[in-house]
Amino acid sequence: MQIVKINLFQCNTPFKLWFASPHTTRTKADSVIVELCFNNGIIGYGESAPRAYVTGETCLTVTDVIKNLFSHLLLGRTIHSVHDLESSLELLEKECIHRYRSPYLSALGAIDIALFDALGKLQKVPVHAILGPILGNETPHSLSILMLSSEKLQNLLHRLRTLDFQSLKIILGDVESDNIERVRLIRSLFGVNMDIRIEANGKWTQQQAISNIEKLKRFNISAVEQPIVASDFEGLKEVRAATGVPVVADESMISISDAKKLIEMEACDIINIKISKCGGLLKSMRIADFARSKNVGRQVGAHVGETNILTRAGEHFCLTTPDVTCFEGFSSLLFEDSWCEHPKTKNKRSNDLYGIGLGIEIKTGMFKSICSLNV
């Protein structure tokens, strides 16, 4: 089958609930949706959820890369096999490295997902069947707790308890006393058996990180995610050594070269693989395989505001990636269920539940069209 059209859409769907983190306050989605149209009628969907503080990309730069570079290489290209998919992605990356010389991973990830979706539809199999055999046990789901007031959090408690999750990640801020009270409250609400991690989004200094972590140990936290700035690998190593609490590298790890450096330096215990920031499913698989070979933990994360496209891509990834510690697959619960099938909140091991390709249908009429590119 041959790519004959590329449509780009802007997804800025409002959230049902505002999301505050140390980086920003988000009230709506911020994604670019890619629609690859083939000459046999098959359509593949992908999503880029760029974050400037992670990969250096924005929706504008992603659109520019796909429109002005990727489209010329993709239009007219034939895709019949995994080999075709891999060679296409390698071609796009080479062009980015040698000609574009700007961040591109999130843009590449959107094309990667759309190609996997289309290939699955061509072969009439779910994406995970292309990625590899189903491995291991079900991946525990993790829910991120927003930076809400105690009153709002307690009001949400009955809704949260209807979801199927096995761990929590608590987003923390700069004020240590507030952080202690926040973790104390959440531990009391969810009980002693709930696995709880904390997340600073790289906003603490090394001194703040050590002080906060030491005071929060009493609440039996299982890990701390990105306690200090992403570029300070040596600092991550020192926080890990000083506190004895496992460190999760998120913003610090967007590529396999990052993963190799972090692991070589013994700067983390777990890497957070996000499909969008890592350049798609193919690159994420290679990162996960390398980390597993070094006995370093892997969790599958999500940017706030990712839609069901990236959520479902993450589900397929988890099915074929052994020993994933958790999957943060609840981002799309921030939206009203109006444009796409609602995601499942628990991994199931039956192909029938995933359909073919990603296994979702997209109503692109709900999005703002950015551009349409033809052969």
Protein backbone atom coordinates (compact mmCIF):
# COMPACT_ATOMS: atom_id res chain seq x y z
CA MET A 1 0.00 0.00 0.00
CA GLN A 2 1.18 3.51 -0.79
CA ILE A 3 0.92 6.72 1.24
CA VAL A 4 -1.11 9.20 -0.81
CA LYS A 5 -2.11 11.85 1.73
CA ILE A 6 -1.00 13.18 5.11
CA ASN A 7 -3.49 15.15 7.20
CA LEU A 8 -2.44 17.02 10.33
CA PHE A 9 -4.88 18.09 13.05
CA GLN A 10 -4.57 20.14 16.22
CA CYS A 11 -6.04 18.57 19.35
CA ASN A 12 -6.72 21.16 22.05
CA THR A 13 -9.66 19.46 23.73
CA PRO A 14 -10.42 21.05 27.14
CA PHE A 15 -9.87 18.98 30.26
CA LYS A 16 -12.67 18.18 32.65
CA LEU A 17 -10.23 19.08 35.41
CA TRP A 18 -7.24 21.41 35.38
CA PHE A 19 -3.86 19.76 35.86
CA ALA A 20 -1.15 21.59 37.78
CA SER A 21 2.47 20.46 37.99
CA PRO A 22 5.79 22.13 38.84
CA HIS A 23 6.20 22.88 35.11
CA THR A 24 2.86 24.42 34.25
CA THR A 25 -0.90 24.41 34.69
CA ARG A 26 -2.70 22.68 31.82
CA THR A 27 -6.35 23.18 30.98
CA LYS A 28 -6.48 21.41 27.62
CA ALA A 29 -4.70 18.94 25.38
CA ASP A 30 -1.74 20.06 23.30
CA SER A 31 -1.16 17.43 20.61
CA VAL A 32 -0.72 17.06 16.87
CA ILE A 33 -2.76 14.21 15.37
CA VAL A 34 -1.35 12.60 12.21
CA GLU A 35 -3.57 10.84 9.68
CA LEU A 36 -1.72 8.78 7.04
CA CYS A 37 -3.99 7.87 4.12
CA PHE A 38 -3.09 4.98 1.80
CA ASN A 39 -4.20 4.16 -1.73
CA ASN A 40 -6.08 1.06 -0.55
CA GLY A 41 -8.32 3.09 1.78
CA ILE A 42 -6.44 2.25 4.99
CA ILE A 43 -5.84 5.13 7.40
CA GLY A 44 -3.24 5.09 10.16
CA TYR A 45 -3.36 7.45 13.15
CA GLY A 46 -0.51 8.78 15.23
CA GLU A 47 -0.07 11.43 17.90
CA SER A 48 2.68 13.78 18.99
CA ALA A 49 2.38 15.28 22.48
CA PRO A 50 5.46 17.54 22.38
CA ARG A 51 6.78 19.15 25.54
CA ALA A 52 9.41 21.86 25.10
CA TYR A 53 10.94 21.10 28.51
CA VAL A 54 11.45 17.44 27.53
CA THR A 55 12.45 17.16 23.87
CA GLY A 56 12.60 20.84 22.92
CA GLU A 57 9.59 20.49 20.61
CA THR A 58 6.24 22.27 20.39
CA CYS A 59 3.16 21.65 18.27
CA LEU A 60 4.45 24.29 15.85
CA THR A 61 7.86 22.63 15.42
CA VAL A 62 6.28 19.18 15.07
CA THR A 63 3.98 20.50 12.35
CA ASP A 64 6.93 22.14 10.60
CA VAL A 65 9.01 18.94 10.62
CA ILE A 66 6.19 16.76 9.29
CA LYS A 67 5.01 19.29 6.73
CA ASN A 68 8.32 20.50 5.35
CA LEU A 69 10.55 17.45 5.75
CA PHE A 70 8.74 14.19 6.47
CA SER A 71 5.95 14.64 3.92
CA HIS A 72 8.34 14.78 0.96
CA LEU A 73 9.89 11.49 2.03
CA LEU A 74 6.66 9.70 2.95
CA LEU A 75 4.23 10.62 0.17
CA GLY A 76 4.33 7.92 -2.48
CA ARG A 77 6.20 5.51 -0.19
CA THR A 78 4.97 1.92 0.01
CA ILE A 79 4.48 0.04 3.29
CA HIS A 80 3.90 -3.72 3.23
CA SER A 81 6.04 -5.05 6.08
CA VAL A 82 7.83 -4.23 9.31
CA HIS A 83 11.00 -3.88 7.24
CA ASP A 84 9.32 -1.12 5.17
CA LEU A 85 8.19 0.58 8.36
CA GLU A 86 11.66 0.46 9.92
CA SER A 87 13.44 1.67 6.79
CA SER A 88 10.99 4.57 6.46
CA LEU A 89 11.60 5.70 10.03
CA GLU A 90 15.37 5.37 9.62
CA LEU A 91 15.19 7.54 6.49
CA LEU A 92 13.23 10.23 8.33
CA GLU A 93 15.68 10.26 11.21
CA LYS A 94 18.71 10.48 8.94
CA GLU A 95 17.21 13.49 7.22
CA CYS A 96 16.53 15.12 10.59
CA ILE A 97 20.07 14.53 11.78
CA HIS A 98 21.83 15.65 8.60
CA ARG A 99 19.52 18.38 7.34
CA TYR A 100 17.02 19.60 9.93
CA ARG A 101 19.37 19.71 12.94
CA SER A 102 16.56 20.49 15.40
CA PRO A 103 14.61 18.35 17.91
CA TYR A 104 12.43 15.81 16.15
CA LEU A 105 11.69 12.80 18.40
CA SER A 106 8.05 13.61 19.15
CA ALA A 107 7.34 14.30 15.47
CA LEU A 108 8.99 11.01 14.51
CA GLY A 109 6.98 9.22 17.18
CA ALA A 110 3.68 10.34 15.66
CA ILE A 111 4.67 8.92 12.27
CA ASP A 112 5.90 5.71 13.91
CA ILE A 113 2.53 5.12 15.62
CA ALA A 114 0.55 5.94 12.46
CA LEU A 115 2.64 3.47 10.43
CA PHE A 116 2.16 0.71 13.02
CA ASP A 117 -1.58 1.40 13.09
CA ALA A 118 -1.81 1.20 9.29
CA LEU A 119 0.35 -1.93 9.04
CA GLY A 120 -1.78 -3.65 11.65
CA LYS A 121 -4.90 -2.83 9.63
CA LEU A 122 -3.26 -4.13 6.46
CA GLN A 123 -2.27 -7.40 8.13
CA LYS A 124 -5.56 -7.53 10.13
CA VAL A 125 -3.73 -7.88 13.45
CA PRO A 126 -3.38 -5.65 16.54
CA VAL A 127 -0.24 -3.54 16.83
CA HIS A 128 1.14 -5.70 19.64
CA ALA A 129 1.19 -8.69 17.28
CA ILE A 130 3.63 -6.75 15.09
CA LEU A 131 5.77 -5.65 18.02
CA GLY A 132 6.24 -9.21 19.28
CA PRO A 133 4.67 -11.93 21.39
CA ILE A 134 2.72 -11.10 24.54
CA LEU A 135 5.15 -11.44 27.45
CA GLY A 136 5.02 -11.53 31.21
CA ASN A 137 2.24 -10.69 33.60
CA GLU A 138 -0.29 -7.88 33.39
CA THR A 139 1.29 -4.45 33.81
CA PRO A 140 0.15 -2.62 36.96
CA HIS A 141 -1.60 0.65 36.19
CA SER A 142 -0.49 3.83 37.92
CA LEU A 143 -2.55 6.97 38.54
CA SER A 144 -0.96 10.41 38.83
CA ILE A 145 -2.41 12.56 41.63
CA LEU A 146 -2.86 16.15 40.53
CA MET A 147 -1.72 19.15 42.59
CA LEU A 148 -5.18 19.73 44.06
CA SER A 149 -6.28 21.08 47.41
CA SER A 150 -7.02 18.58 50.16
CA GLU A 151 -10.73 19.32 49.84
CA LYS A 152 -10.81 18.71 46.07
CA LEU A 153 -8.74 15.57 46.43
CA GLN A 154 -11.07 14.11 49.03
CA ASN A 155 -14.09 15.02 46.87
CA LEU A 156 -12.51 13.07 43.98
CA LEU A 157 -11.74 10.04 46.09
CA HIS A 158 -14.96 8.14 45.34
CA ARG A 159 -14.37 8.57 41.59
CA LEU A 160 -10.74 7.50 41.81
CA ARG A 161 -11.66 4.32 43.64
CA THR A 162 -13.78 3.18 40.69
CA LEU A 163 -10.61 2.94 38.57
CA ASP A 164 -8.41 -0.12 38.34
CA PHE A 165 -4.91 0.95 39.42
CA GLN A 166 -2.24 -0.54 41.63
CA SER A 167 0.04 2.42 42.32
CA LEU A 168 0.02 6.20 42.67
CA LYS A 169 2.42 8.93 41.62
CA ILE A 170 2.11 12.10 43.69
CA ILE A 171 3.13 15.37 42.01
CA LEU A 172 4.93 17.58 44.53
CA GLY A 173 5.93 21.24 44.66
CA ASP A 174 8.56 23.52 46.19
CA VAL A 175 7.21 23.88 49.73
CA GLU A 176 8.47 21.00 51.83
CA SER A 177 5.81 21.26 54.55
CA ASP A 178 3.06 21.17 51.91
CA ASN A 179 4.66 18.12 50.31
CA ILE A 180 4.75 16.28 53.64
CA GLU A 181 1.10 17.05 54.34
CA ARG A 182 0.10 16.07 50.81
CA VAL A 183 1.79 12.67 50.97
CA ARG A 184 0.47 12.13 54.52
CA LEU A 185 -3.10 12.77 53.33
CA ILE A 186 -2.84 10.52 50.28
CA ARG A 187 -1.29 7.71 52.29
CA SER A 188 -4.14 7.96 54.81
CA LEU A 189 -6.77 7.97 52.05
CA PHE A 190 -5.40 5.00 50.10
CA GLY A 191 -3.99 2.87 52.90
CA VAL A 192 -0.69 1.25 53.75
CA ASN A 193 -0.75 -1.27 50.91
CA MET A 194 -0.92 1.21 48.03
CA ASP A 195 2.40 1.64 46.18
CA ILE A 196 3.26 5.36 46.20
CA ARG A 197 5.94 7.21 44.23
CA ILE A 198 6.70 10.93 44.32
CA GLU A 199 7.47 13.21 41.35
CA ALA A 200 9.24 16.58 41.32
CA ASN A 201 9.51 17.13 37.54
CA GLY A 202 13.13 18.21 37.95
CA LYS A 203 12.22 21.32 39.95
CA TRP A 204 14.12 20.63 43.18
CA THR A 205 17.71 21.51 43.89
CA GLN A 206 19.88 18.64 45.03
CA GLN A 207 19.65 19.87 48.62
CA GLN A 208 15.84 20.20 48.40
CA ALA A 209 15.58 16.73 46.92
CA ILE A 210 17.54 15.05 49.68
CA SER A 211 15.69 16.96 52.40
CA ASN A 212 12.22 16.21 50.96
CA ILE A 213 12.97 12.55 50.33
CA GLU A 214 14.41 11.98 53.80
CA LYS A 215 11.30 13.46 55.42
CA LEU A 216 8.93 11.52 53.14
CA LYS A 217 10.54 8.12 53.74
CA ARG A 218 8.25 7.61 56.74
CA PHE A 219 5.34 7.22 54.30
CA ASN A 220 6.97 4.24 52.62
CA ILE A 221 7.53 5.80 49.19
CA SER A 222 8.80 3.31 46.62
CA ALA A 223 10.63 5.76 44.31
CA VAL A 224 11.24 9.40 43.45
CA GLU A 225 10.88 10.52 39.84
CA GLN A 226 13.11 13.21 38.34
CA PRO A 227 13.98 14.93 41.63
CA ILE A 228 16.42 17.41 40.04
CA VAL A 229 17.08 19.07 36.69
CA ALA A 230 17.20 16.69 33.73
CA SER A 231 20.76 17.48 32.65
CA ASP A 232 22.37 16.79 36.04
CA PHE A 233 23.12 13.06 35.80
CA GLU A 234 25.80 13.30 38.48
CA GLY A 235 23.29 14.98 40.79
CA LEU A 236 20.80 12.16 40.26
CA LYS A 237 23.50 9.70 41.23
CA GLU A 238 24.23 11.67 44.42
CA VAL A 239 20.54 11.92 45.39
CA ARG A 240 20.19 8.18 44.86
CA ALA A 241 23.24 7.43 47.01
CA ALA A 242 22.35 9.90 49.76
CA THR A 243 18.74 8.79 50.27
CA GLY A 244 18.73 5.12 49.31
CA VAL A 245 15.37 5.67 47.59
CA PRO A 246 15.14 4.37 43.98
CA VAL A 247 15.39 7.15 41.38
CA VAL A 248 13.26 7.22 38.22
CA ALA A 249 14.75 9.13 35.27
CA ASP A 250 12.09 10.82 33.14
CA GLU A 251 13.07 14.11 31.51
CA SER A 252 16.70 12.96 31.75
CA MET A 253 16.00 10.04 29.38
CA ILE A 254 14.60 10.61 25.89
CA SER A 255 16.96 8.44 23.83
CA ILE A 256 18.92 5.22 24.06
CA SER A 257 22.12 7.25 24.39
CA ASP A 258 20.64 8.93 27.49
CA ALA A 259 19.66 5.53 28.87
CA LYS A 260 23.17 4.18 28.31
CA LYS A 261 24.82 7.15 30.03
CA LEU A 262 22.43 7.10 33.01
CA ILE A 263 22.87 3.38 33.52
CA GLU A 264 26.65 3.51 33.08
CA MET A 265 26.84 6.26 35.73
CA GLU A 266 24.48 4.35 38.07
CA ALA A 267 22.34 7.51 38.19
CA CYS A 268 18.94 5.80 38.24
CA ASP A 269 17.13 2.61 39.16
CA ILE A 270 14.24 2.94 36.70
CA ILE A 271 13.76 4.71 33.36
CA ASN A 272 10.43 6.24 32.39
CA ILE A 273 9.67 5.41 28.76
CA LYS A 274 7.11 7.73 27.19
CA ILE A 275 6.24 6.73 23.62
CA SER A 276 5.97 10.32 22.39
CA LYS A 277 9.19 11.70 23.90
CA CYS A 278 11.24 8.63 22.89
CA GLY A 279 10.38 8.77 19.18
CA GLY A 280 7.67 6.11 18.93
CA LEU A 281 7.18 2.42 19.53
CA LEU A 282 10.24 1.17 17.69
CA LYS A 283 12.70 3.37 19.57
CA SER A 284 10.92 2.72 22.86
CA MET A 285 11.34 -1.03 22.34
CA ARG A 286 15.08 -0.64 21.80
CA ILE A 287 15.44 1.47 24.94
CA ALA A 288 13.44 -1.05 26.99
CA ASP A 289 15.47 -3.98 25.67
CA PHE A 290 18.74 -2.25 26.56
CA ALA A 291 17.60 -1.32 30.07
CA ARG A 292 16.38 -4.87 30.70
CA SER A 293 19.76 -6.25 29.59
CA LYS A 294 21.33 -4.10 32.33
CA ASN A 295 18.74 -5.10 34.98
CA VAL A 296 17.38 -1.55 35.17
CA GLY A 297 13.64 -1.11 35.74
CA ARG A 298 11.25 0.21 33.10
CA GLN A 299 7.98 2.06 33.56
CA VAL A 300 5.77 3.33 30.74
CA GLY A 301 4.74 6.93 31.31
CA ALA A 302 2.45 9.46 29.69
CA HIS A 303 2.52 13.21 29.23
CA VAL A 304 -0.46 14.98 30.75
CA GLY A 305 -3.06 15.50 28.03
CA GLU A 306 -2.12 12.60 25.78
CA THR A 307 -5.18 11.34 23.93
CA ASN A 308 -6.36 7.77 23.47
CA ILE A 309 -4.01 7.33 20.50
CA LEU A 310 -0.90 7.44 22.69
CA THR A 311 -2.71 5.65 25.51
CA ARG A 312 -3.53 2.71 23.26
CA ALA A 313 0.00 2.71 21.79
CA GLY A 314 1.29 2.42 25.36
CA GLU A 315 -1.03 -0.51 26.05
CA HIS A 316 0.26 -2.42 23.03
CA PHE A 317 3.83 -1.63 24.08
CA CYS A 318 3.25 -2.96 27.60
CA LEU A 319 1.82 -6.21 26.27
CA THR A 320 5.09 -7.05 24.55
CA THR A 321 7.57 -5.56 27.03
CA PRO A 322 8.38 -7.85 29.97
CA ASP A 323 8.65 -6.74 33.59
CA VAL A 324 7.31 -3.21 33.18
CA THR A 325 6.91 -1.80 36.69
CA CYS A 326 3.81 0.28 35.86
CA PHE A 327 1.85 1.96 33.08
CA GLU A 328 0.57 5.52 33.51
CA GLY A 329 -2.35 5.03 31.14
CA PHE A 330 -4.98 7.36 32.59
CA SER A 331 -4.24 10.67 30.82
CA SER A 332 -7.31 10.51 28.59
CA LEU A 333 -9.58 10.39 31.65
CA LEU A 334 -9.05 14.17 31.72
CA PHE A 335 -11.29 14.46 28.65
CA GLU A 336 -14.97 14.07 28.00
CA ASP A 337 -15.50 10.83 26.05
CA SER A 338 -16.61 12.52 22.85
CA TRP A 339 -14.24 11.85 19.98
CA CYS A 340 -12.72 8.44 20.50
CA GLU A 341 -13.36 5.12 22.18
CA HIS A 342 -12.68 5.32 25.94
CA PRO A 343 -9.51 3.45 26.92
CA LYS A 344 -9.62 0.34 29.03
CA THR A 345 -8.11 0.73 32.47
CA LYS A 346 -6.73 -2.79 32.68
CA ASN A 347 -4.58 -4.79 30.30
CA LYS A 348 -6.38 -7.77 28.81
CA ARG A 349 -4.59 -10.62 27.11
CA SER A 350 -7.02 -11.24 24.26
CA ASN A 351 -6.36 -10.00 20.73
CA ASP A 352 -10.12 -9.62 20.22
CA LEU A 353 -10.23 -6.78 22.75
CA TYR A 354 -7.69 -4.76 20.75
CA GLY A 355 -9.16 -5.10 17.27
CA ILE A 356 -6.75 -4.43 14.43
CA GLY A 357 -4.07 -1.76 14.36
CA LEU A 358 -4.34 0.40 17.46
CA GLY A 359 -7.92 -0.76 17.83
CA ILE A 360 -9.55 2.68 18.03
CA GLU A 361 -11.63 4.83 15.71
CA ILE A 362 -10.94 8.55 15.52
CA LYS A 363 -13.46 11.28 14.75
CA THR A 364 -11.16 13.81 13.12
CA GLY A 365 -14.07 16.22 12.68
CA MET A 366 -13.62 17.04 16.37
CA PHE A 367 -10.18 18.51 15.65
CA LYS A 368 -8.96 21.67 13.94
CA SER A 369 -7.34 20.88 10.58
CA ILE A 370 -3.78 22.17 10.26
CA CYS A 371 -2.97 21.07 6.73
CA SER A 372 -3.51 18.37 4.11
CA LEU A 373 -0.55 17.13 2.04
CA ASN A 374 -1.02 15.11 -1.15
CA VAL A 375 1.15 13.15 -3.57
